[in-house]
PDB file of N, CA and C in Angstrom:
ATOM      1  N   MET A   1      76.679 114.487 146.152  1.00  0.00           N
ATOM      2  CA  MET A   1      77.379 114.657 146.723  1.00  0.00           C
ATOM      3  C   MET A   1      77.721 116.290 145.592  1.00  0.00           C
ATOM      4  N   THR A   2      77.797 117.860 145.327  1.00  0.00           N
ATOM      5  CA  THR A   2      78.645 118.321 144.814  1.00  0.00           C
ATOM      6  C   THR A   2      80.311 118.258 144.791  1.00  0.00           C
ATOM      7  N   MET A   3      80.821 118.746 143.787  1.00  0.00           N
ATOM      8  CA  MET A   3      82.464 119.083 144.455  1.00  0.00           C
ATOM      9  C   MET A   3      82.041 119.390 144.815  1.00  0.00           C
ATOM     10  N   LEU A   4      81.273 120.625 144.806  1.00  0.00           N
ATOM     11  CA  LEU A   4      81.533 122.640 145.569  1.00  0.00           C
ATOM     12  C   LEU A   4      81.618 122.162 146.861  1.00  0.00           C
ATOM     13  N   LYS A   5      80.471 120.741 147.550  1.00  0.00           N
ATOM     14  CA  LYS A   5      79.838 120.328 149.129  1.00  0.00           C
ATOM     15  C   LYS A   5      81.165 120.226 149.572  1.00  0.00           C
ATOM     16  N   HIS A   6      82.402 119.621 148.592  1.00  0.00           N
ATOM     17  CA  HIS A   6      83.405 119.395 150.041  1.00  0.00           C
ATOM     18  C   HIS A   6      84.323 120.552 149.434  1.00  0.00           C
ATOM     19  N   ASN A   7      84.206 121.323 148.902  1.00  0.00           N
ATOM     20  CA  ASN A   7      85.233 122.397 148.385  1.00  0.00           C
ATOM     21  C   ASN A   7      85.577 122.684 150.005  1.00  0.00           C
ATOM     22  N   PRO A   8      86.453 122.842 150.508  1.00  0.00           N
ATOM     23  CA  PRO A   8      86.591 123.172 151.497  1.00  0.00           C
ATOM     24  C   PRO A   8      87.603 125.048 151.426  1.00  0.00           C
ATOM     25  N   PHE A   9      87.316 125.688 150.429  1.00  0.00           N
ATOM     26  CA  PHE A   9      87.236 126.789 149.739  1.00  0.00           C
ATOM     27  C   PHE A   9      86.538 127.420 149.540  1.00  0.00           C
ATOM     28  N   PHE A  10      84.959 126.849 150.475  1.00  0.00           N
ATOM     29  CA  PHE A  10      83.894 127.581 149.431  1.00  0.00           C
ATOM     30  C   PHE A  10      83.220 128.993 149.958  1.00  0.00           C
ATOM     31  N   PHE A  11      84.070 130.184 151.019  1.00  0.00           N
ATOM     32  CA  PHE A  11      83.882 130.668 150.989  1.00  0.00           C
ATOM     33  C   PHE A  11      84.282 131.605 150.015  1.00  0.00           C
ATOM     34  N   THR A  12      85.469 131.228 149.361  1.00  0.00           N
ATOM     35  CA  THR A  12      86.129 131.851 148.361  1.00  0.00           C
ATOM     36  C   THR A  12      85.338 131.891 146.500  1.00  0.00           C
ATOM     37  N   GLU A  13      84.168 130.597 147.037  1.00  0.00           N
ATOM     38  CA  GLU A  13      83.608 130.823 145.862  1.00  0.00           C
ATOM     39  C   GLU A  13      82.099 131.948 145.965  1.00  0.00           C
ATOM     40  N   ILE A  14      81.166 131.861 147.042  1.00  0.00           N
ATOM     41  CA  ILE A  14      80.502 133.258 147.434  1.00  0.00           C
ATOM     42  C   ILE A  14      81.453 134.421 146.826  1.00  0.00           C
ATOM     43  N   VAL A  15      82.450 134.368 147.826  1.00  0.00           N
ATOM     44  CA  VAL A  15      83.029 135.840 147.602  1.00  0.00           C
ATOM     45  C   VAL A  15      83.046 136.461 145.864  1.00  0.00           C
ATOM     46  N   ARG A  16      83.530 135.491 145.353  1.00  0.00           N
ATOM     47  CA  ARG A  16      83.824 135.518 143.848  1.00  0.00           C
ATOM     48  C   ARG A  16      82.728 135.902 143.859  1.00  0.00           C
ATOM     49  N   ASN A  17      82.228 135.120 143.786  1.00  0.00           N
ATOM     50  CA  ASN A  17      79.989 135.337 143.040  1.00  0.00           C
ATOM     51  C   ASN A  17      79.945 136.813 143.393  1.00  0.00           C
ATOM     52  N   VAL A  18      80.368 137.406 144.431  1.00  0.00           N
ATOM     53  CA  VAL A  18      79.338 138.135 145.142  1.00  0.00           C
ATOM     54  C   VAL A  18      80.267 139.721 145.202  1.00  0.00           C
ATOM     55  N   VAL A  19      81.746 140.157 144.502  1.00  0.00           N
ATOM     56  CA  VAL A  19      82.536 140.508 143.813  1.00  0.00           C
ATOM     57  C   VAL A  19      81.901 140.875 142.396  1.00  0.00           C
ATOM     58  N   ALA A  20      82.023 139.741 141.608  1.00  0.00           N
ATOM     59  CA  ALA A  20      81.649 139.674 140.562  1.00  0.00           C
ATOM     60  C   ALA A  20      79.617 140.055 140.141  1.00  0.00           C
ATOM     61  N   GLY A  21      79.400 140.137 140.861  1.00  0.00           N
ATOM     62  CA  GLY A  21      77.768 140.381 140.706  1.00  0.00           C
ATOM     63  C   GLY A  21      78.076 141.917 140.298  1.00  0.00           C
ATOM     64  N   ASP A  22      77.324 142.105 140.168  1.00  0.00           N
ATOM     65  CA  ASP A  22      76.560 143.783 139.571  1.00  0.00           C
ATOM     66  C   ASP A  22      75.851 144.593 141.306  1.00  0.00           C
ATOM     67  N   TYR A  23      76.157 144.543 142.182  1.00  0.00           N
ATOM     68  CA  TYR A  23      75.980 145.195 143.424  1.00  0.00           C
ATOM     69  C   TYR A  23      76.071 146.239 143.234  1.00  0.00           C
ATOM     70  N   ASN A  24      75.386 146.998 144.192  1.00  0.00           N
ATOM     71  CA  ASN A  24      76.127 148.473 144.831  1.00  0.00           C
ATOM     72  C   ASN A  24      77.110 148.319 146.123  1.00  0.00           C
ATOM     73  N   PRO A  25      78.133 148.718 145.806  1.00  0.00           N
ATOM     74  CA  PRO A  25      79.445 149.109 146.305  1.00  0.00           C
ATOM     75  C   PRO A  25      79.370 148.589 147.614  1.00  0.00           C
ATOM     76  N   GLY A  26      79.308 150.104 148.441  1.00  0.00           N
ATOM     77  CA  GLY A  26      79.260 149.924 150.464  1.00  0.00           C
ATOM     78  C   GLY A  26      78.094 148.567 149.945  1.00  0.00           C
ATOM     79  N   ASN A  27      76.519 148.135 149.591  1.00  0.00           N
ATOM     80  CA  ASN A  27      76.709 147.339 149.838  1.00  0.00           C
ATOM     81  C   ASN A  27      76.692 145.743 149.633  1.00  0.00           C
ATOM     82  N   ARG A  28      77.658 145.755 148.857  1.00  0.00           N
ATOM     83  CA  ARG A  28      78.501 144.709 148.760  1.00  0.00           C
ATOM     84  C   ARG A  28      79.542 144.920 150.082  1.00  0.00           C
ATOM     85  N   ASP A  29      80.362 146.034 149.844  1.00  0.00           N
ATOM     86  CA  ASP A  29      81.243 145.492 150.893  1.00  0.00           C
ATOM     87  C   ASP A  29      81.180 145.231 152.399  1.00  0.00           C
ATOM     88  N   ASN A  30      79.934 145.684 152.798  1.00  0.00           N
ATOM     89  CA  ASN A  30      78.715 145.474 154.182  1.00  0.00           C
ATOM     90  C   ASN A  30      78.862 143.907 154.237  1.00  0.00           C
ATOM     91  N   PHE A  31      78.515 142.946 152.893  1.00  0.00           N
ATOM     92  CA  PHE A  31      78.446 141.805 153.129  1.00  0.00           C
ATOM     93  C   PHE A  31      79.387 140.871 153.411  1.00  0.00           C
ATOM     94  N   LEU A  32      80.060 141.639 153.087  1.00  0.00           N
ATOM     95  CA  LEU A  32      81.719 140.916 152.455  1.00  0.00           C
ATOM     96  C   LEU A  32      82.957 141.056 154.287  1.00  0.00           C
ATOM     97  N   ALA A  33      81.867 142.253 154.670  1.00  0.00           N
ATOM     98  CA  ALA A  33      82.349 142.587 156.054  1.00  0.00           C
ATOM     99  C   ALA A  33      82.159 141.593 157.371  1.00  0.00           C
ATOM    100  N   LYS A  34      80.947 141.721 157.107  1.00  0.00           N
ATOM    101  CA  LYS A  34      80.426 140.512 157.879  1.00  0.00           C
ATOM    102  C   LYS A  34      81.114 138.319 158.046  1.00  0.00           C
ATOM    103  N   ALA A  35      80.183 138.538 158.616  1.00  0.00           N
ATOM    104  CA  ALA A  35      80.551 137.279 158.440  1.00  0.00           C
ATOM    105  C   ALA A  35      79.618 136.487 157.797  1.00  0.00           C
ATOM    106  N   ASP A  36      78.336 136.949 157.259  1.00  0.00           N
ATOM    107  CA  ASP A  36      77.684 136.720 156.287  1.00  0.00           C
ATOM    108  C   ASP A  36      77.890 135.409 155.290  1.00  0.00           C
ATOM    109  N   PRO A  37      78.724 135.759 154.552  1.00  0.00           N
ATOM    110  CA  PRO A  37      79.183 134.574 153.534  1.00  0.00           C
ATOM    111  C   PRO A  37      79.675 133.590 154.456  1.00  0.00           C
ATOM    112  N   TRP A  38      80.643 133.753 155.439  1.00  0.00           N
ATOM    113  CA  TRP A  38      80.984 132.328 156.354  1.00  0.00           C
ATOM    114  C   TRP A  38      79.977 131.487 156.736  1.00  0.00           C
ATOM    115  N   ILE A  39      78.975 132.200 157.135  1.00  0.00           N
ATOM    116  CA  ILE A  39      78.021 131.852 157.519  1.00  0.00           C
ATOM    117  C   ILE A  39      77.135 130.494 156.467  1.00  0.00           C
ATOM    118  N   ILE A  40      77.237 131.515 155.168  1.00  0.00           N
ATOM    119  CA  ILE A  40      76.308 130.531 154.365  1.00  0.00           C
ATOM    120  C   ILE A  40      77.089 129.340 153.739  1.00  0.00           C
ATOM    121  N   ALA A  41      78.945 129.294 153.258  1.00  0.00           N
ATOM    122  CA  ALA A  41      79.993 128.265 153.498  1.00  0.00           C
ATOM    123  C   ALA A  41      79.875 127.423 154.628  1.00  0.00           C
ATOM    124  N   LYS A  42      79.872 127.348 155.737  1.00  0.00           N
ATOM    125  CA  LYS A  42      79.717 126.324 156.586  1.00  0.00           C
ATOM    126  C   LYS A  42      77.716 126.067 156.602  1.00  0.00           C
ATOM    127  N   ALA A  43      77.124 126.691 156.101  1.00  0.00           N
ATOM    128  CA  ALA A  43      76.012 125.467 156.176  1.00  0.00           C
ATOM    129  C   ALA A  43      76.152 124.667 155.037  1.00  0.00           C
ATOM    130  N   LYS A  44      76.637 125.416 153.794  1.00  0.00           N
ATOM    131  CA  LYS A  44      77.161 124.491 152.370  1.00  0.00           C
ATOM    132  C   LYS A  44      78.009 123.081 152.677  1.00  0.00           C
ATOM    133  N   THR A  45      78.652 123.230 153.343  1.00  0.00           N
ATOM    134  CA  THR A  45      79.242 122.513 153.987  1.00  0.00           C
ATOM    135  C   THR A  45      78.774 121.204 154.521  1.00  0.00           C
ATOM    136  N   LEU A  46      77.982 122.145 155.699  1.00  0.00           N
ATOM    137  CA  LEU A  46      76.855 120.581 156.816  1.00  0.00           C
ATOM    138  C   LEU A  46      75.894 120.192 155.773  1.00  0.00           C
ATOM    139  N   GLY A  47      75.742 120.613 154.792  1.00  0.00           N
ATOM    140  CA  GLY A  47      73.957 120.527 154.923  1.00  0.00           C
ATOM    141  C   GLY A  47      73.367 121.384 155.834  1.00  0.00           C
ATOM    142  N   ALA A  48      73.251 122.128 155.970  1.00  0.00           N
ATOM    143  CA  ALA A  48      73.047 122.650 157.236  1.00  0.00           C
ATOM    144  C   ALA A  48      71.876 123.979 156.986  1.00  0.00           C
ATOM    145  N   THR A  49      70.918 124.886 157.932  1.00  0.00           N
ATOM    146  CA  THR A  49      69.979 125.411 156.780  1.00  0.00           C
ATOM    147  C   THR A  49      71.079 126.865 157.807  1.00  0.00           C
ATOM    148  N   VAL A  50      70.410 128.002 156.894  1.00  0.00           N
ATOM    149  CA  VAL A  50      70.844 129.181 157.372  1.00  0.00           C
ATOM    150  C   VAL A  50      69.303 129.642 157.934  1.00  0.00           C
ATOM    151  N   VAL A  51      69.231 130.263 159.210  1.00  0.00           N
ATOM    152  CA  VAL A  51      68.484 131.326 159.170  1.00  0.00           C
ATOM    153  C   VAL A  51      68.689 133.071 159.445  1.00  0.00           C
ATOM    154  N   SER A  52      67.626 133.357 158.646  1.00  0.00           N
ATOM    155  CA  SER A  52      67.894 135.334 158.552  1.00  0.00           C
ATOM    156  C   SER A  52      66.466 135.712 158.935  1.00  0.00           C
ATOM    157  N   HIS A  53      66.765 137.487 158.916  1.00  0.00           N
ATOM    158  CA  HIS A  53      65.561 138.159 159.302  1.00  0.00           C
ATOM    159  C   HIS A  53      65.239 138.702 157.753  1.00  0.00           C
ATOM    160  N   GLU A  54      66.334 138.292 157.117  1.00  0.00           N
ATOM    161  CA  GLU A  54      66.524 138.951 155.921  1.00  0.00           C
ATOM    162  C   GLU A  54      65.487 138.114 154.657  1.00  0.00           C
ATOM    163  N   SER A  55      64.802 139.528 153.929  1.00  0.00           N
ATOM    164  CA  SER A  55      64.474 138.606 153.127  1.00  0.00           C
ATOM    165  C   SER A  55      64.632 138.397 151.613  1.00  0.00           C
ATOM    166  N   LEU A  56      64.120 137.876 150.885  1.00  0.00           N
ATOM    167  CA  LEU A  56      64.779 137.647 148.984  1.00  0.00           C
ATOM    168  C   LEU A  56      64.134 139.494 148.955  1.00  0.00           C
ATOM    169  N   VAL A  57      65.177 139.790 147.655  1.00  0.00           N
ATOM    170  CA  VAL A  57      65.548 140.520 146.631  1.00  0.00           C
ATOM    171  C   VAL A  57      65.006 140.411 145.275  1.00  0.00           C
ATOM    172  N   VAL A  58      64.772 141.267 144.454  1.00  0.00           N
ATOM    173  CA  VAL A  58      64.141 140.299 143.209  1.00  0.00           C
ATOM    174  C   VAL A  58      65.600 140.668 142.505  1.00  0.00           C
ATOM    175  N   PRO A  59      65.621 139.106 141.220  1.00  0.00           N
ATOM    176  CA  PRO A  59      66.644 139.107 141.369  1.00  0.00           C
ATOM    177  C   PRO A  59      67.841 139.620 140.360  1.00  0.00           C
ATOM    178  N   ASN A  60      67.492 140.978 140.093  1.00  0.00           N
ATOM    179  CA  ASN A  60      68.835 141.965 139.042  1.00  0.00           C
ATOM    180  C   ASN A  60      68.282 142.828 140.545  1.00  0.00           C
ATOM    181  N   GLY A  61      67.949 142.591 142.243  1.00  0.00           N
ATOM    182  CA  GLY A  61      67.922 143.742 142.623  1.00  0.00           C
ATOM    183  C   GLY A  61      69.709 144.226 142.884  1.00  0.00           C
ATOM    184  N   ARG A  62      70.243 145.599 143.397  1.00  0.00           N
ATOM    185  CA  ARG A  62      71.452 145.511 143.517  1.00  0.00           C
ATOM    186  C   ARG A  62      72.066 145.533 144.956  1.00  0.00           C
ATOM    187  N   LYS A  63      71.260 144.901 146.089  1.00  0.00           N
ATOM    188  CA  LYS A  63      71.583 144.975 146.932  1.00  0.00           C
ATOM    189  C   LYS A  63      72.409 143.230 147.229  1.00  0.00           C
ATOM    190  N   VAL A  64      72.800 142.845 148.523  1.00  0.00           N
ATOM    191  CA  VAL A  64      73.782 141.525 148.376  1.00  0.00           C
ATOM    192  C   VAL A  64      72.746 141.194 149.860  1.00  0.00           C
ATOM    193  N   LYS A  65      71.520 140.274 149.440  1.00  0.00           N
ATOM    194  CA  LYS A  65      70.887 139.341 150.690  1.00  0.00           C
ATOM    195  C   LYS A  65      70.884 137.838 150.618  1.00  0.00           C
ATOM    196  N   ILE A  66      71.434 137.604 152.275  1.00  0.00           N
ATOM    197  CA  ILE A  66      71.103 136.514 152.714  1.00  0.00           C
ATOM    198  C   ILE A  66      70.776 135.203 152.127  1.00  0.00           C
ATOM    199  N   PRO A  67      69.227 135.294 151.403  1.00  0.00           N
ATOM    200  CA  PRO A  67      68.504 134.589 151.293  1.00  0.00           C
ATOM    201  C   PRO A  67      68.817 134.220 149.682  1.00  0.00           C
ATOM    202  N   ASN A  68      69.240 135.604 149.140  1.00  0.00           N
ATOM    203  CA  ASN A  68      69.325 135.730 147.869  1.00  0.00           C
ATOM    204  C   ASN A  68      70.748 134.623 147.296  1.00  0.00           C
ATOM    205  N   ILE A  69      71.772 135.151 148.088  1.00  0.00           N
ATOM    206  CA  ILE A  69      72.941 134.203 148.049  1.00  0.00           C
ATOM    207  C   ILE A  69      73.114 132.793 148.411  1.00  0.00           C
ATOM    208  N   CYS A  70      72.130 132.640 149.891  1.00  0.00           N
ATOM    209  CA  CYS A  70      71.935 131.086 149.518  1.00  0.00           C
ATOM    210  C   CYS A  70      71.048 130.149 148.541  1.00  0.00           C
ATOM    211  N   GLN A  71      70.250 131.419 147.880  1.00  0.00           N
ATOM    212  CA  GLN A  71      69.563 130.243 146.819  1.00  0.00           C
ATOM    213  C   GLN A  71      70.152 130.634 145.691  1.00  0.00           C
ATOM    214  N   GLN A  72      71.624 131.095 145.403  1.00  0.00           N
ATOM    215  CA  GLN A  72      72.227 130.241 143.971  1.00  0.00           C
ATOM    216  C   GLN A  72      73.307 129.611 144.722  1.00  0.00           C
ATOM    217  N   PHE A  73      73.427 129.207 145.871  1.00  0.00           N
ATOM    218  CA  PHE A  73      73.996 127.840 146.031  1.00  0.00           C
ATOM    219  C   PHE A  73      73.268 127.446 146.037  1.00  0.00           C
ATOM    220  N   ASP A  74      72.471 127.118 146.269  1.00  0.00           N
ATOM    221  CA  ASP A  74      72.154 125.415 146.918  1.00  0.00           C
ATOM    222  C   ASP A  74      71.829 125.761 148.082  1.00  0.00           C
ATOM    223  N   VAL A  75      71.722 126.234 149.178  1.00  0.00           N
ATOM    224  CA  VAL A  75      71.796 126.964 150.276  1.00  0.00           C
ATOM    225  C   VAL A  75      70.080 127.270 150.767  1.00  0.00           C
ATOM    226  N   PRO A  76      69.551 125.602 151.662  1.00  0.00           N
ATOM    227  CA  PRO A  76      68.353 126.138 151.921  1.00  0.00           C
ATOM    228  C   PRO A  76      68.262 127.374 153.586  1.00  0.00           C
ATOM    229  N   CYS A  77      67.276 128.286 152.980  1.00  0.00           N
ATOM    230  CA  CYS A  77      66.740 129.193 154.463  1.00  0.00           C
ATOM    231  C   CYS A  77      65.946 129.966 154.686  1.00  0.00           C
ATOM    232  N   LEU A  78      65.849 129.954 155.157  1.00  0.00           N
ATOM    233  CA  LEU A  78      64.421 130.408 156.021  1.00  0.00           C
ATOM    234  C   LEU A  78      64.101 131.802 156.602  1.00  0.00           C
ATOM    235  N   ASN A  79      62.816 132.238 156.680  1.00  0.00           N
ATOM    236  CA  ASN A  79      63.278 133.233 157.757  1.00  0.00           C
ATOM    237  C   ASN A  79      63.144 133.384 158.700  1.00  0.00           C
ATOM    238  N   THR A  80      63.112 133.966 159.704  1.00  0.00           N
ATOM    239  CA  THR A  80      63.025 134.117 161.393  1.00  0.00           C
ATOM    240  C   THR A  80      61.545 132.903 161.366  1.00  0.00           C
ATOM    241  N   PHE A  81      60.501 133.758 160.962  1.00  0.00           N
ATOM    242  CA  PHE A  81      59.479 133.484 161.597  1.00  0.00           C
ATOM    243  C   PHE A  81      59.066 131.537 160.706  1.00  0.00           C
ATOM    244  N   GLN A  82      59.637 131.716 159.857  1.00  0.00           N
ATOM    245  CA  GLN A  82      59.108 130.412 159.199  1.00  0.00           C
ATOM    246  C   GLN A  82      60.006 128.937 159.892  1.00  0.00           C
ATOM    247  N   PHE A  83      60.739 129.384 160.689  1.00  0.00           N
ATOM    248  CA  PHE A  83      61.986 128.598 161.816  1.00  0.00           C
ATOM    249  C   PHE A  83      61.303 128.719 162.936  1.00  0.00           C
ATOM    250  N   LEU A  84      60.280 129.486 162.852  1.00  0.00           N
ATOM    251  CA  LEU A  84      59.877 129.005 164.637  1.00  0.00           C
ATOM    252  C   LEU A  84      58.710 128.661 164.777  1.00  0.00           C
ATOM    253  N   ARG A  85      58.203 128.515 163.175  1.00  0.00           N
ATOM    254  CA  ARG A  85      56.872 127.557 162.511  1.00  0.00           C
ATOM    255  C   ARG A  85      57.058 126.501 162.483  1.00  0.00           C
ATOM    256  N   GLU A  86      58.516 126.571 161.737  1.00  0.00           N
ATOM    257  CA  GLU A  86      58.793 124.685 161.750  1.00  0.00           C
ATOM    258  C   GLU A  86      59.196 124.010 163.148  1.00  0.00           C
ATOM    259  N   LEU A  87      59.742 124.993 164.158  1.00  0.00           N
ATOM    260  CA  LEU A  87      59.790 124.650 165.318  1.00  0.00           C
ATOM    261  C   LEU A  87      58.188 124.172 166.447  1.00  0.00           C
ATOM    262  N   ASN A  88      57.253 124.470 165.562  1.00  0.00           N
ATOM    263  CA  ASN A  88      56.342 125.139 166.691  1.00  0.00           C
ATOM    264  C   ASN A  88      56.535 125.407 167.556  1.00  0.00           C
ATOM    265  N   ALA A  89      57.203 127.011 167.418  1.00  0.00           N
ATOM    266  CA  ALA A  89      57.564 127.236 168.434  1.00  0.00           C
ATOM    267  C   ALA A  89      56.177 127.725 169.506  1.00  0.00           C
ATOM    268  N   ARG A  90      56.239 128.280 171.378  1.00  0.00           N
ATOM    269  CA  ARG A  90      54.606 129.190 171.363  1.00  0.00           C
ATOM    270  C   ARG A  90      55.505 129.849 172.422  1.00  0.00           C
ATOM    271  N   PHE A  91      54.994 131.226 172.943  1.00  0.00           N
ATOM    272  CA  PHE A  91      55.691 131.758 173.556  1.00  0.00           C
ATOM    273  C   PHE A  91      54.091 131.994 174.342  1.00  0.00           C
ATOM    274  N   VAL A  92      54.355 131.919 175.658  1.00  0.00           N
ATOM    275  CA  VAL A  92      53.292 132.379 176.326  1.00  0.00           C
ATOM    276  C   VAL A  92      53.907 133.202 178.007  1.00  0.00           C
ATOM    277  N   LEU A  93      52.927 133.951 177.755  1.00  0.00           N
ATOM    278  CA  LEU A  93      53.029 134.811 179.208  1.00  0.00           C
ATOM    279  C   LEU A  93      52.585 134.713 180.527  1.00  0.00           C
ATOM    280  N   GLY A  94      53.528 134.498 180.855  1.00  0.00           N
ATOM    281  CA  GLY A  94      53.082 133.890 182.459  1.00  0.00           C
ATOM    282  C   GLY A  94      52.857 134.792 183.509  1.00  0.00           C
ATOM    283  N   VAL A  95      51.544 135.008 184.519  1.00  0.00           N
ATOM    284  CA  VAL A  95      51.348 135.003 184.947  1.00  0.00           C
ATOM    285  C   VAL A  95      52.312 135.568 186.732  1.00  0.00           C
TER     286      VAL A  95
END
């Protein structure tokens, strides 16, 4: 396990990374104002997977997206549909 995994201030590392990145300021501020960085930090400390409806954006993109930040910090991330497939979820309409 890495030192970061045991860092109780992992949230701070994510925030520093996002603030230092070349992101659109409005998008960056919106990302930081929500629970997204907290969820990623908690998943990192627990060894959990983040499930998000967002998709990866190009590496040099100016939008802050959950899958990109997860990728930067080695946090597994699935989109909603991948998650449902892994669960073998079935939705059946009743009569």
